[in-house]
Amino acid sequence: MAAETVIQGTVTRGGQPEGGAYVRLLDSTGEFTAEVVTSATGAFRFFARPGSWTVRALASGDAVAETTVQADQGAVTEAAIAL
């Protein structure tokens, strides 16, 4: 009866939401696990297993940024990425 583990957040550039950016989820070994495209408000969401994850955002103009998060079972982990 464990709740889902969620990693979600927003991608911004210059303080504004970055819609249409690609956000990749990489496991603790750097292995590609999943990819989503941000909404018009820069939002993204992954359902993942508990553990350490790297969240990497890629956008037009070769903009790349990433952050590392620790996702806990049944929790929502927030990740804000600024390009």
N, C-alpha and C. Protein backbone atom coordinates (compact mmCIF):
# COMPACT_ATOMS: atom_id res chain seq x y z
N MET A 1 0.82 -1.19 0.00
CA MET A 1 0.00 0.00 0.00
C MET A 1 0.87 1.26 0.00
N ALA A 2 2.07 1.16 -0.54
CA ALA A 2 2.97 2.31 -0.60
C ALA A 2 2.52 3.28 -1.68
N ALA A 3 2.62 4.55 -1.36
CA ALA A 3 2.26 5.58 -2.33
C ALA A 3 3.36 5.69 -3.39
N GLU A 4 3.02 6.33 -4.51
CA GLU A 4 3.98 6.49 -5.58
C GLU A 4 5.08 7.48 -5.20
N THR A 5 6.25 7.26 -5.78
CA THR A 5 7.37 8.17 -5.61
C THR A 5 7.40 9.07 -6.85
N VAL A 6 7.36 10.39 -6.64
CA VAL A 6 7.25 11.35 -7.74
C VAL A 6 8.42 12.33 -7.69
N ILE A 7 8.97 12.61 -8.87
CA ILE A 7 9.95 13.70 -9.03
C ILE A 7 9.31 14.68 -10.00
N GLN A 8 9.12 15.90 -9.55
CA GLN A 8 8.47 16.90 -10.39
C GLN A 8 9.13 18.25 -10.17
N GLY A 9 8.85 19.17 -11.07
CA GLY A 9 9.41 20.51 -10.90
C GLY A 9 9.17 21.36 -12.12
N THR A 10 10.01 22.39 -12.24
CA THR A 10 9.88 23.33 -13.35
C THR A 10 11.26 23.65 -13.93
N VAL A 11 11.23 23.99 -15.22
CA VAL A 11 12.42 24.45 -15.91
C VAL A 11 12.18 25.91 -16.28
N THR A 12 13.13 26.76 -15.96
CA THR A 12 13.03 28.18 -16.29
C THR A 12 14.29 28.65 -17.02
N ARG A 13 14.13 29.74 -17.75
CA ARG A 13 15.26 30.41 -18.40
C ARG A 13 15.04 31.90 -18.22
N GLY A 14 15.99 32.55 -17.60
CA GLY A 14 15.85 33.98 -17.34
C GLY A 14 14.67 34.29 -16.44
N GLY A 15 14.33 33.35 -15.56
CA GLY A 15 13.22 33.55 -14.63
C GLY A 15 11.86 33.27 -15.22
N GLN A 16 11.81 32.89 -16.50
CA GLN A 16 10.53 32.60 -17.16
C GLN A 16 10.40 31.10 -17.42
N PRO A 17 9.19 30.55 -17.38
CA PRO A 17 8.99 29.12 -17.66
C PRO A 17 9.51 28.76 -19.04
N GLU A 18 10.13 27.60 -19.15
CA GLU A 18 10.67 27.13 -20.43
C GLU A 18 9.84 25.95 -20.93
N GLY A 19 8.79 26.26 -21.68
CA GLY A 19 7.97 25.22 -22.27
C GLY A 19 8.71 24.57 -23.43
N GLY A 20 8.46 23.27 -23.64
CA GLY A 20 9.06 22.57 -24.76
C GLY A 20 10.48 22.09 -24.52
N ALA A 21 10.99 22.21 -23.30
CA ALA A 21 12.32 21.70 -22.99
C ALA A 21 12.22 20.20 -22.75
N TYR A 22 13.29 19.50 -23.05
CA TYR A 22 13.35 18.07 -22.77
C TYR A 22 13.97 17.86 -21.40
N VAL A 23 13.34 17.04 -20.59
CA VAL A 23 13.86 16.75 -19.26
C VAL A 23 14.12 15.25 -19.19
N ARG A 24 15.35 14.90 -18.85
CA ARG A 24 15.76 13.50 -18.78
C ARG A 24 15.98 13.08 -17.33
N LEU A 25 15.62 11.87 -17.04
CA LEU A 25 15.82 11.28 -15.72
C LEU A 25 16.93 10.24 -15.85
N LEU A 26 18.02 10.43 -15.09
CA LEU A 26 19.16 9.53 -15.12
C LEU A 26 19.31 8.89 -13.75
N ASP A 27 19.57 7.58 -13.72
CA ASP A 27 19.72 6.91 -12.43
C ASP A 27 21.08 7.22 -11.80
N SER A 28 21.35 6.60 -10.67
CA SER A 28 22.57 6.93 -9.91
C SER A 28 23.86 6.57 -10.65
N THR A 29 23.76 5.74 -11.70
CA THR A 29 24.94 5.40 -12.49
C THR A 29 25.04 6.25 -13.75
N GLY A 30 24.09 7.18 -13.94
CA GLY A 30 24.08 8.03 -15.12
C GLY A 30 23.34 7.43 -16.30
N GLU A 31 22.70 6.28 -16.07
CA GLU A 31 21.96 5.60 -17.13
C GLU A 31 20.63 6.32 -17.41
N PHE A 32 20.35 6.56 -18.69
CA PHE A 32 19.09 7.18 -19.12
C PHE A 32 17.93 6.28 -18.72
N THR A 33 16.90 6.88 -18.08
CA THR A 33 15.74 6.12 -17.63
C THR A 33 14.46 6.58 -18.30
N ALA A 34 14.28 7.91 -18.43
CA ALA A 34 13.03 8.42 -19.01
C ALA A 34 13.25 9.84 -19.50
N GLU A 35 12.33 10.29 -20.36
CA GLU A 35 12.37 11.66 -20.86
C GLU A 35 10.95 12.17 -21.05
N VAL A 36 10.73 13.43 -20.68
CA VAL A 36 9.45 14.09 -20.92
C VAL A 36 9.72 15.49 -21.46
N VAL A 37 8.70 16.09 -22.02
CA VAL A 37 8.78 17.47 -22.52
C VAL A 37 8.00 18.35 -21.55
N THR A 38 8.58 19.52 -21.21
CA THR A 38 7.90 20.41 -20.27
C THR A 38 6.64 21.01 -20.90
N SER A 39 5.69 21.30 -20.03
CA SER A 39 4.45 21.96 -20.45
C SER A 39 4.76 23.43 -20.75
N ALA A 40 3.74 24.16 -21.16
CA ALA A 40 3.91 25.59 -21.44
C ALA A 40 4.35 26.36 -20.20
N THR A 41 4.07 25.81 -19.01
CA THR A 41 4.46 26.47 -17.77
C THR A 41 5.81 25.96 -17.26
N GLY A 42 6.51 25.15 -18.08
CA GLY A 42 7.82 24.64 -17.69
C GLY A 42 7.77 23.45 -16.76
N ALA A 43 6.58 22.89 -16.53
CA ALA A 43 6.42 21.81 -15.56
C ALA A 43 6.76 20.45 -16.16
N PHE A 44 7.27 19.57 -15.29
CA PHE A 44 7.53 18.17 -15.67
C PHE A 44 7.25 17.28 -14.47
N ARG A 45 7.07 15.97 -14.75
CA ARG A 45 6.81 15.01 -13.67
C ARG A 45 7.27 13.62 -14.12
N PHE A 46 7.93 12.93 -13.20
CA PHE A 46 8.31 11.54 -13.40
C PHE A 46 7.79 10.72 -12.23
N PHE A 47 7.45 9.46 -12.49
CA PHE A 47 7.17 8.49 -11.44
C PHE A 47 8.39 7.59 -11.40
N ALA A 48 9.05 7.50 -10.27
CA ALA A 48 10.32 6.79 -10.17
C ALA A 48 10.37 5.92 -8.93
N ARG A 49 11.39 5.13 -8.85
CA ARG A 49 11.61 4.35 -7.62
C ARG A 49 12.44 5.22 -6.67
N PRO A 50 12.43 4.92 -5.39
CA PRO A 50 13.22 5.68 -4.43
C PRO A 50 14.71 5.58 -4.76
N GLY A 51 15.45 6.66 -4.48
CA GLY A 51 16.89 6.65 -4.71
C GLY A 51 17.39 7.99 -5.18
N SER A 52 18.65 7.99 -5.58
CA SER A 52 19.31 9.20 -6.07
C SER A 52 19.15 9.28 -7.58
N TRP A 53 18.73 10.45 -8.06
CA TRP A 53 18.48 10.67 -9.48
C TRP A 53 19.11 11.97 -9.95
N THR A 54 19.49 12.02 -11.21
CA THR A 54 19.90 13.27 -11.85
C THR A 54 18.79 13.66 -12.80
N VAL A 55 18.37 14.92 -12.71
CA VAL A 55 17.34 15.47 -13.59
C VAL A 55 18.03 16.50 -14.48
N ARG A 56 18.04 16.25 -15.80
CA ARG A 56 18.77 17.11 -16.74
C ARG A 56 17.79 17.72 -17.73
N ALA A 57 17.87 19.03 -17.89
CA ALA A 57 17.01 19.75 -18.84
C ALA A 57 17.83 20.20 -20.04
N LEU A 58 17.27 20.04 -21.23
CA LEU A 58 17.90 20.46 -22.48
C LEU A 58 16.89 21.30 -23.25
N ALA A 59 17.33 22.45 -23.74
CA ALA A 59 16.43 23.34 -24.48
C ALA A 59 17.16 23.93 -25.68
N SER A 60 16.43 24.67 -26.48
CA SER A 60 17.00 25.28 -27.68
C SER A 60 18.19 26.16 -27.33
N GLY A 61 19.07 26.33 -28.31
CA GLY A 61 20.25 27.15 -28.08
C GLY A 61 21.31 26.43 -27.25
N ASP A 62 21.27 25.09 -27.25
CA ASP A 62 22.23 24.28 -26.51
C ASP A 62 22.23 24.55 -25.01
N ALA A 63 21.10 24.97 -24.48
CA ALA A 63 20.99 25.22 -23.03
C ALA A 63 20.83 23.88 -22.31
N VAL A 64 21.70 23.63 -21.34
CA VAL A 64 21.65 22.39 -20.56
C VAL A 64 21.91 22.72 -19.10
N ALA A 65 21.13 22.14 -18.22
CA ALA A 65 21.34 22.29 -16.78
C ALA A 65 20.82 21.03 -16.11
N GLU A 66 21.36 20.73 -14.93
CA GLU A 66 20.90 19.54 -14.22
C GLU A 66 21.00 19.73 -12.72
N THR A 67 20.30 18.87 -12.02
CA THR A 67 20.34 18.85 -10.56
C THR A 67 20.21 17.39 -10.11
N THR A 68 20.71 17.11 -8.93
CA THR A 68 20.58 15.78 -8.35
C THR A 68 19.58 15.83 -7.22
N VAL A 69 18.69 14.84 -7.17
CA VAL A 69 17.67 14.79 -6.12
C VAL A 69 17.67 13.42 -5.47
N GLN A 70 17.18 13.38 -4.25
CA GLN A 70 16.98 12.12 -3.53
C GLN A 70 15.49 11.91 -3.40
N ALA A 71 14.98 10.89 -4.08
CA ALA A 71 13.54 10.60 -4.06
C ALA A 71 13.26 9.57 -2.98
N ASP A 72 12.27 9.85 -2.14
CA ASP A 72 11.89 8.95 -1.06
C ASP A 72 10.56 8.28 -1.38
N GLN A 73 10.40 7.05 -0.94
CA GLN A 73 9.18 6.28 -1.17
C GLN A 73 7.95 7.04 -0.68
N GLY A 74 6.98 7.18 -1.57
CA GLY A 74 5.72 7.80 -1.22
C GLY A 74 5.76 9.31 -1.11
N ALA A 75 6.87 9.93 -1.51
CA ALA A 75 7.01 11.38 -1.39
C ALA A 75 7.07 12.04 -2.77
N VAL A 76 6.77 13.33 -2.77
CA VAL A 76 6.93 14.15 -3.97
C VAL A 76 8.21 14.95 -3.78
N THR A 77 9.16 14.77 -4.68
CA THR A 77 10.43 15.48 -4.64
C THR A 77 10.38 16.59 -5.68
N GLU A 78 10.67 17.81 -5.26
CA GLU A 78 10.64 18.97 -6.15
C GLU A 78 12.04 19.23 -6.71
N ALA A 79 12.11 19.54 -8.00
CA ALA A 79 13.38 19.86 -8.66
C ALA A 79 13.18 21.09 -9.54
N ALA A 80 13.84 22.18 -9.20
CA ALA A 80 13.79 23.40 -10.01
C ALA A 80 15.09 23.50 -10.78
N ILE A 81 14.97 23.65 -12.11
CA ILE A 81 16.14 23.72 -12.97
C ILE A 81 16.12 25.05 -13.72
N ALA A 82 17.19 25.82 -13.57
CA ALA A 82 17.31 27.10 -14.27
C ALA A 82 18.36 26.97 -15.37
N LEU A 83 17.95 27.26 -16.61
CA LEU A 83 18.86 27.19 -17.75
C LEU A 83 19.65 28.48 -17.88
